[in-house]
Amino acid sequence: MNGVTVVTHPLVAHKLSIMRAKDTSTARFRQLLREISTLLCYEVTRDLPLEDYPVETPVGPTTGQRIAGKKLVFVPILRAGLGLVEGMLELVPSARVGHIGLYREPETLDAVEYYFRAPDDVAERLCVVIDPMLATGNTAVAAIERLKERGVTNIRFVCLVASPEGLERLRGWHPDVPIWTAAVDERLNDHGYIVPGLGDAGDRLFGTR
């Protein structure tokens, strides 16, 4: 699908397969999620613009490069998105962090917002919205709409596992937002869960399954 990048790195596939297993412990799941988030962050930041600046090495001057413009903002969708932030911050420790609290209404599967916090100058930054699962796509669509209401125009979305239905919905509502994912699974079931997926990422991350 146009605008969707599936990260095919062998380490990503290896770690995701362990995370899918139902007998993987909470501690192991949490560790793998942090590790895989770093690999996904590497891919989503691959084309960031650079600028030259002077550097003095121990043996002489040279020209270095650094990320141009203001720092990134990682925006996890609470609560499961928190599991991806730590690994991304290890790679980009200077990034800001915003939070969007959304839950999926059990009957309608609509997204309901309960919390929003972002830097005052969020509209001037690249925002990377993070959620382990892109299932129905409703929470992702709502999170991105909220950021656009704040004036953000440069947004990327990162997830661990996506459904074809979620990708179609997110791309339909926000065709300007590129998506990175580690896997595109078969479908959604009648309850809006990804099949085969890996279960409820939040429950497995926080040990509440």
N, C-alpha and C. Protein backbone atom coordinates (compact mmCIF):
# COMPACT_ATOMS: atom_id res chain seq x y z
N MET A 1 0.84 -1.19 0.00
CA MET A 1 0.00 0.00 0.00
C MET A 1 0.88 1.24 0.00
N ASN A 2 0.51 2.22 -0.81
CA ASN A 2 1.27 3.46 -0.89
C ASN A 2 1.33 4.15 0.47
N GLY A 3 2.53 4.61 0.83
CA GLY A 3 2.69 5.31 2.09
C GLY A 3 2.93 4.42 3.28
N VAL A 4 3.04 3.11 3.06
CA VAL A 4 3.25 2.15 4.15
C VAL A 4 4.60 1.46 3.95
N THR A 5 5.44 1.50 4.97
CA THR A 5 6.73 0.82 4.94
C THR A 5 6.71 -0.34 5.93
N VAL A 6 6.92 -1.55 5.45
CA VAL A 6 7.04 -2.72 6.31
C VAL A 6 8.52 -2.97 6.56
N VAL A 7 8.93 -2.87 7.81
CA VAL A 7 10.33 -3.04 8.17
C VAL A 7 10.66 -4.53 8.17
N THR A 8 11.53 -4.94 7.29
CA THR A 8 11.80 -6.37 7.09
C THR A 8 13.14 -6.82 7.67
N HIS A 9 13.71 -6.04 8.55
CA HIS A 9 15.00 -6.40 9.15
C HIS A 9 14.87 -7.74 9.87
N PRO A 10 15.86 -8.65 9.72
CA PRO A 10 15.79 -9.95 10.38
C PRO A 10 15.62 -9.87 11.89
N LEU A 11 16.26 -8.91 12.54
CA LEU A 11 16.12 -8.80 14.00
C LEU A 11 14.70 -8.41 14.39
N VAL A 12 14.06 -7.58 13.57
CA VAL A 12 12.67 -7.21 13.83
C VAL A 12 11.77 -8.44 13.75
N ALA A 13 11.92 -9.22 12.69
CA ALA A 13 11.11 -10.43 12.52
C ALA A 13 11.35 -11.42 13.65
N HIS A 14 12.60 -11.58 14.06
CA HIS A 14 12.96 -12.50 15.13
C HIS A 14 12.31 -12.10 16.46
N LYS A 15 12.44 -10.85 16.81
CA LYS A 15 11.91 -10.38 18.10
C LYS A 15 10.38 -10.38 18.10
N LEU A 16 9.78 -9.99 16.98
CA LEU A 16 8.33 -9.97 16.91
C LEU A 16 7.76 -11.38 17.06
N SER A 17 8.41 -12.36 16.48
CA SER A 17 7.92 -13.75 16.58
C SER A 17 7.91 -14.22 18.03
N ILE A 18 8.93 -13.84 18.80
CA ILE A 18 8.95 -14.21 20.22
C ILE A 18 7.83 -13.50 20.96
N MET A 19 7.59 -12.24 20.63
CA MET A 19 6.53 -11.47 21.29
C MET A 19 5.15 -12.06 21.01
N ARG A 20 4.97 -12.63 19.84
CA ARG A 20 3.66 -13.20 19.50
C ARG A 20 3.31 -14.41 20.37
N ALA A 21 4.30 -15.16 20.79
CA ALA A 21 4.05 -16.41 21.53
C ALA A 21 3.29 -16.12 22.82
N LYS A 22 2.23 -16.87 23.07
CA LYS A 22 1.38 -16.59 24.23
C LYS A 22 2.07 -16.88 25.55
N ASP A 23 3.13 -17.71 25.54
CA ASP A 23 3.81 -18.04 26.79
C ASP A 23 5.01 -17.12 27.06
N THR A 24 5.22 -16.09 26.25
CA THR A 24 6.29 -15.12 26.52
C THR A 24 5.92 -14.31 27.76
N SER A 25 6.82 -14.22 28.71
CA SER A 25 6.54 -13.54 29.98
C SER A 25 6.40 -12.04 29.79
N THR A 26 5.79 -11.40 30.78
CA THR A 26 5.64 -9.95 30.76
C THR A 26 7.00 -9.26 30.68
N ALA A 27 7.96 -9.72 31.48
CA ALA A 27 9.28 -9.10 31.48
C ALA A 27 9.96 -9.23 30.12
N ARG A 28 9.86 -10.41 29.52
CA ARG A 28 10.47 -10.64 28.21
C ARG A 28 9.75 -9.82 27.14
N PHE A 29 8.44 -9.76 27.20
CA PHE A 29 7.65 -8.99 26.24
C PHE A 29 8.05 -7.52 26.30
N ARG A 30 8.19 -7.02 27.52
CA ARG A 30 8.56 -5.61 27.72
C ARG A 30 9.96 -5.33 27.17
N GLN A 31 10.88 -6.24 27.41
CA GLN A 31 12.24 -6.06 26.93
C GLN A 31 12.29 -6.07 25.40
N LEU A 32 11.59 -7.02 24.80
CA LEU A 32 11.58 -7.12 23.34
C LEU A 32 10.92 -5.91 22.69
N LEU A 33 9.86 -5.41 23.32
CA LEU A 33 9.19 -4.24 22.79
C LEU A 33 10.13 -3.04 22.78
N ARG A 34 10.90 -2.89 23.85
CA ARG A 34 11.88 -1.80 23.91
C ARG A 34 12.94 -1.96 22.82
N GLU A 35 13.42 -3.19 22.63
CA GLU A 35 14.46 -3.44 21.62
C GLU A 35 13.93 -3.21 20.21
N ILE A 36 12.75 -3.70 19.93
CA ILE A 36 12.21 -3.57 18.58
C ILE A 36 11.84 -2.13 18.28
N SER A 37 11.48 -1.36 19.30
CA SER A 37 11.14 0.05 19.09
C SER A 37 12.36 0.84 18.64
N THR A 38 13.54 0.47 19.14
CA THR A 38 14.77 1.13 18.70
C THR A 38 15.03 0.86 17.22
N LEU A 39 14.80 -0.38 16.80
CA LEU A 39 14.99 -0.73 15.39
C LEU A 39 13.98 0.00 14.50
N LEU A 40 12.75 0.12 14.95
CA LEU A 40 11.74 0.84 14.18
C LEU A 40 12.06 2.33 14.11
N CYS A 41 12.57 2.86 15.22
CA CYS A 41 12.95 4.28 15.25
C CYS A 41 14.06 4.56 14.24
N TYR A 42 14.99 3.65 14.14
CA TYR A 42 16.08 3.79 13.16
C TYR A 42 15.51 3.95 11.76
N GLU A 43 14.47 3.18 11.44
CA GLU A 43 13.89 3.23 10.10
C GLU A 43 13.07 4.50 9.88
N VAL A 44 12.29 4.91 10.87
CA VAL A 44 11.41 6.06 10.68
C VAL A 44 12.18 7.37 10.62
N THR A 45 13.42 7.37 11.15
CA THR A 45 14.24 8.59 11.12
C THR A 45 15.30 8.55 10.02
N ARG A 46 15.24 7.59 9.15
CA ARG A 46 16.28 7.39 8.14
C ARG A 46 16.49 8.61 7.25
N ASP A 47 15.43 9.37 6.95
CA ASP A 47 15.55 10.48 5.99
C ASP A 47 15.49 11.86 6.65
N LEU A 48 15.80 11.95 7.94
CA LEU A 48 15.78 13.26 8.59
C LEU A 48 16.82 14.18 7.96
N PRO A 49 16.50 15.46 7.79
CA PRO A 49 17.45 16.39 7.17
C PRO A 49 18.63 16.68 8.09
N LEU A 50 19.79 16.89 7.47
CA LEU A 50 21.02 17.18 8.21
C LEU A 50 21.54 18.56 7.83
N GLU A 51 22.35 19.11 8.73
CA GLU A 51 23.05 20.36 8.43
C GLU A 51 24.50 20.21 8.86
N ASP A 52 25.40 20.90 8.15
CA ASP A 52 26.82 20.85 8.46
C ASP A 52 27.15 21.81 9.61
N TYR A 53 28.19 21.45 10.39
CA TYR A 53 28.69 22.36 11.42
C TYR A 53 30.15 22.00 11.71
N PRO A 54 30.94 22.97 12.17
CA PRO A 54 32.36 22.72 12.40
C PRO A 54 32.61 21.87 13.64
N VAL A 55 33.53 20.92 13.52
CA VAL A 55 33.91 20.04 14.63
C VAL A 55 35.43 20.04 14.75
N GLU A 56 35.93 20.13 15.97
CA GLU A 56 37.36 20.06 16.21
C GLU A 56 37.68 18.69 16.80
N THR A 57 38.34 17.83 16.04
CA THR A 57 38.72 16.52 16.55
C THR A 57 40.05 16.65 17.31
N PRO A 58 40.51 15.60 17.99
CA PRO A 58 41.80 15.68 18.69
C PRO A 58 42.99 15.96 17.77
N VAL A 59 42.81 15.74 16.46
CA VAL A 59 43.95 15.95 15.56
C VAL A 59 43.68 17.02 14.49
N GLY A 60 42.55 17.69 14.55
CA GLY A 60 42.32 18.75 13.59
C GLY A 60 40.85 19.02 13.32
N PRO A 61 40.56 20.09 12.58
CA PRO A 61 39.17 20.46 12.30
C PRO A 61 38.56 19.61 11.19
N THR A 62 37.24 19.48 11.22
CA THR A 62 36.50 18.81 10.17
C THR A 62 35.09 19.37 10.14
N THR A 63 34.29 18.89 9.24
CA THR A 63 32.88 19.29 9.16
C THR A 63 32.01 18.12 9.58
N GLY A 64 31.23 18.34 10.63
CA GLY A 64 30.31 17.31 11.10
C GLY A 64 28.90 17.56 10.59
N GLN A 65 28.01 16.65 10.91
CA GLN A 65 26.60 16.80 10.54
C GLN A 65 25.72 16.53 11.75
N ARG A 66 24.64 17.26 11.82
CA ARG A 66 23.67 17.08 12.90
C ARG A 66 22.27 17.23 12.32
N ILE A 67 21.29 16.73 13.08
CA ILE A 67 19.90 16.84 12.65
C ILE A 67 19.51 18.30 12.58
N ALA A 68 18.94 18.70 11.45
CA ALA A 68 18.55 20.09 11.25
C ALA A 68 17.17 20.36 11.86
N GLY A 69 16.98 21.59 12.31
CA GLY A 69 15.67 22.00 12.82
C GLY A 69 15.44 21.58 14.25
N LYS A 70 14.19 21.73 14.69
CA LYS A 70 13.85 21.41 16.07
C LYS A 70 13.79 19.91 16.27
N LYS A 71 13.91 19.50 17.52
CA LYS A 71 13.94 18.08 17.87
C LYS A 71 12.59 17.42 17.61
N LEU A 72 12.64 16.11 17.50
CA LEU A 72 11.42 15.31 17.30
C LEU A 72 10.53 15.35 18.53
N VAL A 73 9.28 14.98 18.32
CA VAL A 73 8.35 14.71 19.41
C VAL A 73 7.81 13.30 19.22
N PHE A 74 8.04 12.43 20.19
CA PHE A 74 7.42 11.12 20.19
C PHE A 74 6.09 11.23 20.93
N VAL A 75 5.03 10.73 20.30
CA VAL A 75 3.70 10.86 20.88
C VAL A 75 3.08 9.47 21.02
N PRO A 76 3.29 8.81 22.15
CA PRO A 76 2.66 7.50 22.34
C PRO A 76 1.16 7.64 22.61
N ILE A 77 0.40 6.71 22.07
CA ILE A 77 -1.02 6.61 22.40
C ILE A 77 -1.11 5.74 23.64
N LEU A 78 -1.60 6.32 24.72
CA LEU A 78 -1.68 5.60 25.99
C LEU A 78 -2.73 4.51 25.92
N ARG A 79 -2.46 3.35 26.55
CA ARG A 79 -1.33 3.17 27.43
C ARG A 79 -0.21 2.36 26.79
N ALA A 80 -0.58 1.51 25.82
CA ALA A 80 0.40 0.58 25.26
C ALA A 80 1.55 1.28 24.54
N GLY A 81 1.29 2.48 24.01
CA GLY A 81 2.34 3.19 23.30
C GLY A 81 3.53 3.53 24.16
N LEU A 82 3.33 3.55 25.48
CA LEU A 82 4.44 3.84 26.39
C LEU A 82 5.56 2.82 26.26
N GLY A 83 5.22 1.60 25.90
CA GLY A 83 6.22 0.55 25.79
C GLY A 83 7.21 0.76 24.67
N LEU A 84 6.87 1.62 23.71
CA LEU A 84 7.76 1.88 22.58
C LEU A 84 8.65 3.11 22.80
N VAL A 85 8.25 3.97 23.74
CA VAL A 85 8.96 5.24 23.90
C VAL A 85 10.37 5.06 24.42
N GLU A 86 10.56 4.18 25.40
CA GLU A 86 11.87 4.04 26.03
C GLU A 86 12.95 3.69 25.02
N GLY A 87 12.69 2.73 24.15
CA GLY A 87 13.66 2.33 23.15
C GLY A 87 13.96 3.43 22.16
N MET A 88 12.95 4.20 21.80
CA MET A 88 13.15 5.30 20.87
C MET A 88 13.96 6.42 21.50
N LEU A 89 13.74 6.67 22.78
CA LEU A 89 14.50 7.71 23.47
C LEU A 89 15.96 7.31 23.65
N GLU A 90 16.24 6.03 23.71
CA GLU A 90 17.64 5.59 23.76
C GLU A 90 18.37 5.98 22.49
N LEU A 91 17.67 5.99 21.38
CA LEU A 91 18.27 6.35 20.10
C LEU A 91 18.27 7.87 19.90
N VAL A 92 17.21 8.54 20.37
CA VAL A 92 17.08 10.00 20.21
C VAL A 92 16.78 10.60 21.58
N PRO A 93 17.77 10.67 22.47
CA PRO A 93 17.51 11.10 23.85
C PRO A 93 17.07 12.56 23.98
N SER A 94 17.32 13.38 22.97
CA SER A 94 16.93 14.78 23.04
C SER A 94 15.50 15.03 22.58
N ALA A 95 14.80 14.01 22.14
CA ALA A 95 13.43 14.18 21.65
C ALA A 95 12.50 14.58 22.78
N ARG A 96 11.48 15.35 22.45
CA ARG A 96 10.41 15.65 23.39
C ARG A 96 9.40 14.51 23.37
N VAL A 97 8.55 14.47 24.38
CA VAL A 97 7.52 13.42 24.45
C VAL A 97 6.17 14.06 24.77
N GLY A 98 5.19 13.79 23.92
CA GLY A 98 3.80 14.15 24.20
C GLY A 98 3.02 12.90 24.53
N HIS A 99 1.78 13.06 24.98
CA HIS A 99 0.96 11.90 25.32
C HIS A 99 -0.48 12.13 24.87
N ILE A 100 -1.06 11.11 24.28
CA ILE A 100 -2.48 11.14 23.95
C ILE A 100 -3.13 9.91 24.56
N GLY A 101 -4.09 10.15 25.45
CA GLY A 101 -4.82 9.06 26.08
C GLY A 101 -6.11 8.78 25.34
N LEU A 102 -6.20 7.59 24.75
CA LEU A 102 -7.40 7.17 24.01
C LEU A 102 -7.73 5.74 24.38
N TYR A 103 -9.01 5.44 24.49
CA TYR A 103 -9.40 4.04 24.64
C TYR A 103 -10.50 3.71 23.64
N ARG A 104 -10.61 2.44 23.35
CA ARG A 104 -11.58 1.98 22.35
C ARG A 104 -12.86 1.56 23.06
N GLU A 105 -13.96 2.25 22.75
CA GLU A 105 -15.25 1.92 23.35
C GLU A 105 -15.64 0.50 22.94
N PRO A 106 -15.89 -0.38 23.92
CA PRO A 106 -16.06 -1.81 23.61
C PRO A 106 -17.16 -2.14 22.61
N GLU A 107 -18.27 -1.41 22.66
CA GLU A 107 -19.40 -1.74 21.79
C GLU A 107 -19.23 -1.20 20.38
N THR A 108 -18.88 0.10 20.28
CA THR A 108 -18.80 0.75 18.97
C THR A 108 -17.40 0.69 18.36
N LEU A 109 -16.39 0.42 19.20
CA LEU A 109 -14.97 0.44 18.82
C LEU A 109 -14.48 1.84 18.46
N ASP A 110 -15.28 2.87 18.79
CA ASP A 110 -14.88 4.25 18.55
C ASP A 110 -13.82 4.67 19.56
N ALA A 111 -12.97 5.62 19.17
CA ALA A 111 -11.92 6.13 20.06
C ALA A 111 -12.48 7.23 20.95
N VAL A 112 -12.17 7.13 22.25
CA VAL A 112 -12.60 8.13 23.24
C VAL A 112 -11.35 8.72 23.88
N GLU A 113 -11.20 10.04 23.80
CA GLU A 113 -10.03 10.70 24.36
C GLU A 113 -10.24 11.02 25.85
N TYR A 114 -9.22 10.78 26.66
CA TYR A 114 -9.27 11.14 28.07
C TYR A 114 -8.06 11.95 28.54
N TYR A 115 -7.05 12.12 27.66
CA TYR A 115 -5.87 12.89 28.06
C TYR A 115 -5.11 13.35 26.83
N PHE A 116 -4.61 14.60 26.89
CA PHE A 116 -3.76 15.11 25.81
C PHE A 116 -2.75 16.09 26.39
N ARG A 117 -1.47 15.89 26.06
CA ARG A 117 -0.42 16.78 26.51
C ARG A 117 0.68 16.78 25.47
N ALA A 118 1.10 17.96 25.03
CA ALA A 118 2.14 18.06 24.01
C ALA A 118 2.93 19.35 24.25
N PRO A 119 4.17 19.43 23.75
CA PRO A 119 4.95 20.66 23.88
C PRO A 119 4.21 21.85 23.27
N ASP A 120 4.44 23.05 23.83
CA ASP A 120 3.76 24.24 23.33
C ASP A 120 4.04 24.50 21.85
N ASP A 121 5.26 24.17 21.42
CA ASP A 121 5.64 24.42 20.03
C ASP A 121 5.54 23.16 19.17
N VAL A 122 4.61 22.28 19.51
CA VAL A 122 4.49 21.00 18.81
C VAL A 122 4.24 21.19 17.32
N ALA A 123 3.57 22.27 16.95
CA ALA A 123 3.25 22.51 15.54
C ALA A 123 4.50 22.73 14.68
N GLU A 124 5.62 23.07 15.32
CA GLU A 124 6.86 23.35 14.60
C GLU A 124 7.77 22.12 14.50
N ARG A 125 7.32 21.00 15.02
CA ARG A 125 8.18 19.81 15.11
C ARG A 125 7.61 18.64 14.30
N LEU A 126 8.50 17.69 14.02
CA LEU A 126 8.07 16.41 13.45
C LEU A 126 7.53 15.55 14.58
N CYS A 127 6.30 15.10 14.45
CA CYS A 127 5.68 14.26 15.47
C CYS A 127 5.61 12.82 14.99
N VAL A 128 6.12 11.91 15.81
CA VAL A 128 6.05 10.48 15.52
C VAL A 128 5.05 9.86 16.48
N VAL A 129 3.88 9.51 15.96
CA VAL A 129 2.82 8.90 16.77
C VAL A 129 3.10 7.41 16.88
N ILE A 130 2.97 6.88 18.09
CA ILE A 130 3.41 5.51 18.38
C ILE A 130 2.29 4.70 19.03
N ASP A 131 2.04 3.53 18.50
CA ASP A 131 1.09 2.59 19.12
C ASP A 131 1.47 1.19 18.65
N PRO A 132 1.59 0.22 19.54
CA PRO A 132 2.00 -1.12 19.10
C PRO A 132 1.09 -1.73 18.05
N MET A 133 -0.22 -1.50 18.17
CA MET A 133 -1.17 -2.17 17.29
C MET A 133 -1.98 -1.15 16.49
N LEU A 134 -2.08 -1.37 15.19
CA LEU A 134 -3.00 -0.61 14.34
C LEU A 134 -4.09 -1.58 13.92
N ALA A 135 -5.15 -1.62 14.71
CA ALA A 135 -6.22 -2.60 14.49
C ALA A 135 -7.34 -1.98 13.64
N THR A 136 -8.36 -1.42 14.28
CA THR A 136 -9.42 -0.75 13.51
C THR A 136 -8.92 0.55 12.90
N GLY A 137 -7.90 1.14 13.51
CA GLY A 137 -7.38 2.42 13.05
C GLY A 137 -8.06 3.60 13.68
N ASN A 138 -9.09 3.38 14.50
CA ASN A 138 -9.86 4.49 15.06
C ASN A 138 -9.03 5.36 16.00
N THR A 139 -8.24 4.73 16.89
CA THR A 139 -7.46 5.54 17.83
C THR A 139 -6.34 6.29 17.11
N ALA A 140 -5.72 5.66 16.12
CA ALA A 140 -4.67 6.34 15.36
C ALA A 140 -5.24 7.54 14.61
N VAL A 141 -6.38 7.37 13.97
CA VAL A 141 -7.02 8.47 13.26
C VAL A 141 -7.34 9.62 14.22
N ALA A 142 -7.89 9.29 15.39
CA ALA A 142 -8.25 10.32 16.36
C ALA A 142 -7.02 11.04 16.91
N ALA A 143 -5.94 10.29 17.18
CA ALA A 143 -4.71 10.90 17.69
C ALA A 143 -4.12 11.89 16.69
N ILE A 144 -4.09 11.50 15.44
CA ILE A 144 -3.53 12.36 14.41
C ILE A 144 -4.41 13.59 14.19
N GLU A 145 -5.72 13.40 14.24
CA GLU A 145 -6.63 14.54 14.12
C GLU A 145 -6.39 15.55 15.24
N ARG A 146 -6.14 15.04 16.44
CA ARG A 146 -5.88 15.92 17.60
C ARG A 146 -4.63 16.73 17.39
N LEU A 147 -3.58 16.10 16.87
CA LEU A 147 -2.33 16.83 16.60
C LEU A 147 -2.53 17.86 15.50
N LYS A 148 -3.28 17.52 14.49
CA LYS A 148 -3.54 18.48 13.42
C LYS A 148 -4.33 19.68 13.93
N GLU A 149 -5.21 19.46 14.90
CA GLU A 149 -5.93 20.57 15.52
C GLU A 149 -4.98 21.54 16.19
N ARG A 150 -3.83 21.03 16.65
CA ARG A 150 -2.80 21.87 17.27
C ARG A 150 -1.85 22.47 16.23
N GLY A 151 -2.12 22.25 14.96
CA GLY A 151 -1.32 22.86 13.91
C GLY A 151 -0.18 22.02 13.38
N VAL A 152 -0.06 20.78 13.82
CA VAL A 152 1.03 19.92 13.37
C VAL A 152 0.79 19.50 11.92
N THR A 153 1.81 19.65 11.09
CA THR A 153 1.70 19.28 9.68
C THR A 153 2.66 18.18 9.27
N ASN A 154 3.63 17.86 10.14
CA ASN A 154 4.63 16.84 9.82
C ASN A 154 4.48 15.69 10.81
N ILE A 155 3.78 14.65 10.39
CA ILE A 155 3.42 13.54 11.28
C ILE A 155 3.80 12.22 10.63
N ARG A 156 4.32 11.29 11.44
CA ARG A 156 4.57 9.92 11.01
C ARG A 156 3.96 8.98 12.04
N PHE A 157 3.56 7.82 11.59
CA PHE A 157 2.94 6.84 12.49
C PHE A 157 3.76 5.55 12.49
N VAL A 158 4.03 5.03 13.68
CA VAL A 158 4.81 3.80 13.83
C VAL A 158 4.02 2.80 14.67
N CYS A 159 3.94 1.56 14.20
CA CYS A 159 3.30 0.51 14.98
C CYS A 159 4.08 -0.78 14.81
N LEU A 160 3.75 -1.73 15.65
CA LEU A 160 4.42 -3.03 15.61
C LEU A 160 3.71 -3.98 14.65
N VAL A 161 2.39 -4.05 14.77
CA VAL A 161 1.58 -4.92 13.93
C VAL A 161 0.38 -4.13 13.42
N ALA A 162 0.07 -4.29 12.14
CA ALA A 162 -1.07 -3.59 11.55
C ALA A 162 -2.00 -4.58 10.88
N SER A 163 -3.27 -4.22 10.83
CA SER A 163 -4.24 -4.99 10.05
C SER A 163 -4.46 -4.28 8.73
N PRO A 164 -4.86 -5.01 7.69
CA PRO A 164 -5.18 -4.36 6.41
C PRO A 164 -6.29 -3.32 6.57
N GLU A 165 -7.28 -3.62 7.44
CA GLU A 165 -8.38 -2.69 7.66
C GLU A 165 -7.89 -1.40 8.32
N GLY A 166 -6.99 -1.53 9.28
CA GLY A 166 -6.46 -0.35 9.96
C GLY A 166 -5.64 0.51 9.03
N LEU A 167 -4.82 -0.13 8.21
CA LEU A 167 -4.00 0.62 7.25
C LEU A 167 -4.90 1.38 6.27
N GLU A 168 -5.92 0.71 5.78
CA GLU A 168 -6.82 1.35 4.82
C GLU A 168 -7.54 2.54 5.45
N ARG A 169 -7.97 2.39 6.69
CA ARG A 169 -8.68 3.48 7.35
C ARG A 169 -7.75 4.66 7.62
N LEU A 170 -6.56 4.38 8.16
CA LEU A 170 -5.64 5.47 8.48
C LEU A 170 -5.19 6.19 7.22
N ARG A 171 -4.87 5.46 6.18
CA ARG A 171 -4.45 6.09 4.93
C ARG A 171 -5.60 6.86 4.28
N GLY A 172 -6.81 6.36 4.48
CA GLY A 172 -7.98 7.05 3.92
C GLY A 172 -8.24 8.39 4.58
N TRP A 173 -8.11 8.41 5.91
CA TRP A 173 -8.37 9.63 6.65
C TRP A 173 -7.18 10.59 6.62
N HIS A 174 -5.98 10.05 6.64
CA HIS A 174 -4.77 10.88 6.69
C HIS A 174 -3.75 10.40 5.66
N PRO A 175 -4.02 10.63 4.38
CA PRO A 175 -3.10 10.16 3.34
C PRO A 175 -1.74 10.85 3.36
N ASP A 176 -1.64 11.95 4.11
CA ASP A 176 -0.37 12.67 4.22
C ASP A 176 0.54 12.11 5.30
N VAL A 177 0.07 11.12 6.05
CA VAL A 177 0.84 10.56 7.17
C VAL A 177 1.40 9.20 6.77
N PRO A 178 2.72 9.09 6.58
CA PRO A 178 3.32 7.80 6.26
C PRO A 178 3.33 6.87 7.47
N ILE A 179 3.31 5.58 7.22
CA ILE A 179 3.21 4.56 8.26
C ILE A 179 4.40 3.61 8.17
N TRP A 180 4.95 3.27 9.33
CA TRP A 180 5.97 2.22 9.44
C TRP A 180 5.43 1.14 10.35
N THR A 181 5.58 -0.12 9.95
CA THR A 181 5.13 -1.23 10.76
C THR A 181 6.09 -2.41 10.59
N ALA A 182 6.13 -3.28 11.61
CA ALA A 182 6.96 -4.47 11.53
C ALA A 182 6.25 -5.62 10.82
N ALA A 183 4.91 -5.57 10.75
CA ALA A 183 4.17 -6.66 10.12
C ALA A 183 2.76 -6.20 9.77
N VAL A 184 2.24 -6.75 8.67
CA VAL A 184 0.84 -6.58 8.31
C VAL A 184 0.20 -7.96 8.40
N ASP A 185 -0.72 -8.12 9.35
CA ASP A 185 -1.33 -9.42 9.59
C ASP A 185 -2.57 -9.64 8.70
N GLU A 186 -3.26 -10.75 8.94
CA GLU A 186 -4.30 -11.19 8.03
C GLU A 186 -5.55 -10.32 8.05
N ARG A 187 -6.10 -10.07 9.25
CA ARG A 187 -7.42 -9.44 9.33
C ARG A 187 -7.75 -9.08 10.77
N LEU A 188 -8.93 -8.48 10.95
CA LEU A 188 -9.49 -8.26 12.28
C LEU A 188 -10.56 -9.32 12.56
N ASN A 189 -10.70 -9.69 13.84
CA ASN A 189 -11.81 -10.58 14.20
C ASN A 189 -13.04 -9.75 14.56
N ASP A 190 -14.09 -10.42 15.00
CA ASP A 190 -15.35 -9.74 15.29
C ASP A 190 -15.25 -8.76 16.46
N HIS A 191 -14.21 -8.90 17.27
CA HIS A 191 -14.02 -8.01 18.42
C HIS A 191 -13.02 -6.90 18.13
N GLY A 192 -12.57 -6.80 16.89
CA GLY A 192 -11.65 -5.74 16.53
C GLY A 192 -10.20 -6.01 16.89
N TYR A 193 -9.86 -7.28 17.15
CA TYR A 193 -8.47 -7.64 17.44
C TYR A 193 -7.80 -8.18 16.17
N ILE A 194 -6.50 -7.90 16.07
CA ILE A 194 -5.74 -8.36 14.91
C ILE A 194 -5.49 -9.87 14.98
N VAL A 195 -5.69 -10.54 13.86
CA VAL A 195 -5.45 -11.99 13.74
C VAL A 195 -4.31 -12.21 12.74
N PRO A 196 -3.24 -12.96 13.10
CA PRO A 196 -3.00 -13.61 14.40
C PRO A 196 -2.55 -12.65 15.50
N GLY A 197 -1.97 -11.53 15.15
CA GLY A 197 -1.62 -10.52 16.15
C GLY A 197 -0.71 -11.01 17.25
N LEU A 198 -0.86 -10.40 18.42
CA LEU A 198 -0.11 -10.85 19.60
C LEU A 198 -0.92 -10.63 20.88
N GLY A 199 -2.24 -10.51 20.72
CA GLY A 199 -3.10 -10.26 21.87
C GLY A 199 -3.19 -8.77 22.18
N ASP A 200 -3.63 -8.46 23.39
CA ASP A 200 -3.73 -7.07 23.84
C ASP A 200 -2.35 -6.61 24.29
N ALA A 201 -1.72 -5.73 23.52
CA ALA A 201 -0.35 -5.31 23.81
C ALA A 201 -0.24 -4.64 25.17
N GLY A 202 -1.24 -3.83 25.53
CA GLY A 202 -1.21 -3.16 26.83
C GLY A 202 -1.26 -4.14 27.98
N ASP A 203 -2.15 -5.13 27.89
CA ASP A 203 -2.26 -6.14 28.94
C ASP A 203 -0.96 -6.94 29.07
N ARG A 204 -0.37 -7.30 27.95
CA ARG A 204 0.86 -8.09 28.00
C ARG A 204 2.05 -7.26 28.48
N LEU A 205 2.04 -5.98 28.15
CA LEU A 205 3.12 -5.10 28.56
C LEU A 205 3.11 -4.84 30.06
N PHE A 206 1.92 -4.65 30.61
CA PHE A 206 1.79 -4.28 32.02
C PHE A 206 1.36 -5.43 32.92
N GLY A 207 1.28 -6.63 32.36
CA GLY A 207 0.99 -7.80 33.17
C GLY A 207 -0.43 -7.87 33.67
N THR A 208 -1.39 -7.33 32.88
CA THR A 208 -2.80 -7.32 33.32
C THR A 208 -3.66 -8.24 32.48
N ARG A 209 -3.02 -9.12 31.72
CA ARG A 209 -3.81 -10.04 30.89
C ARG A 209 -4.38 -11.16 31.74
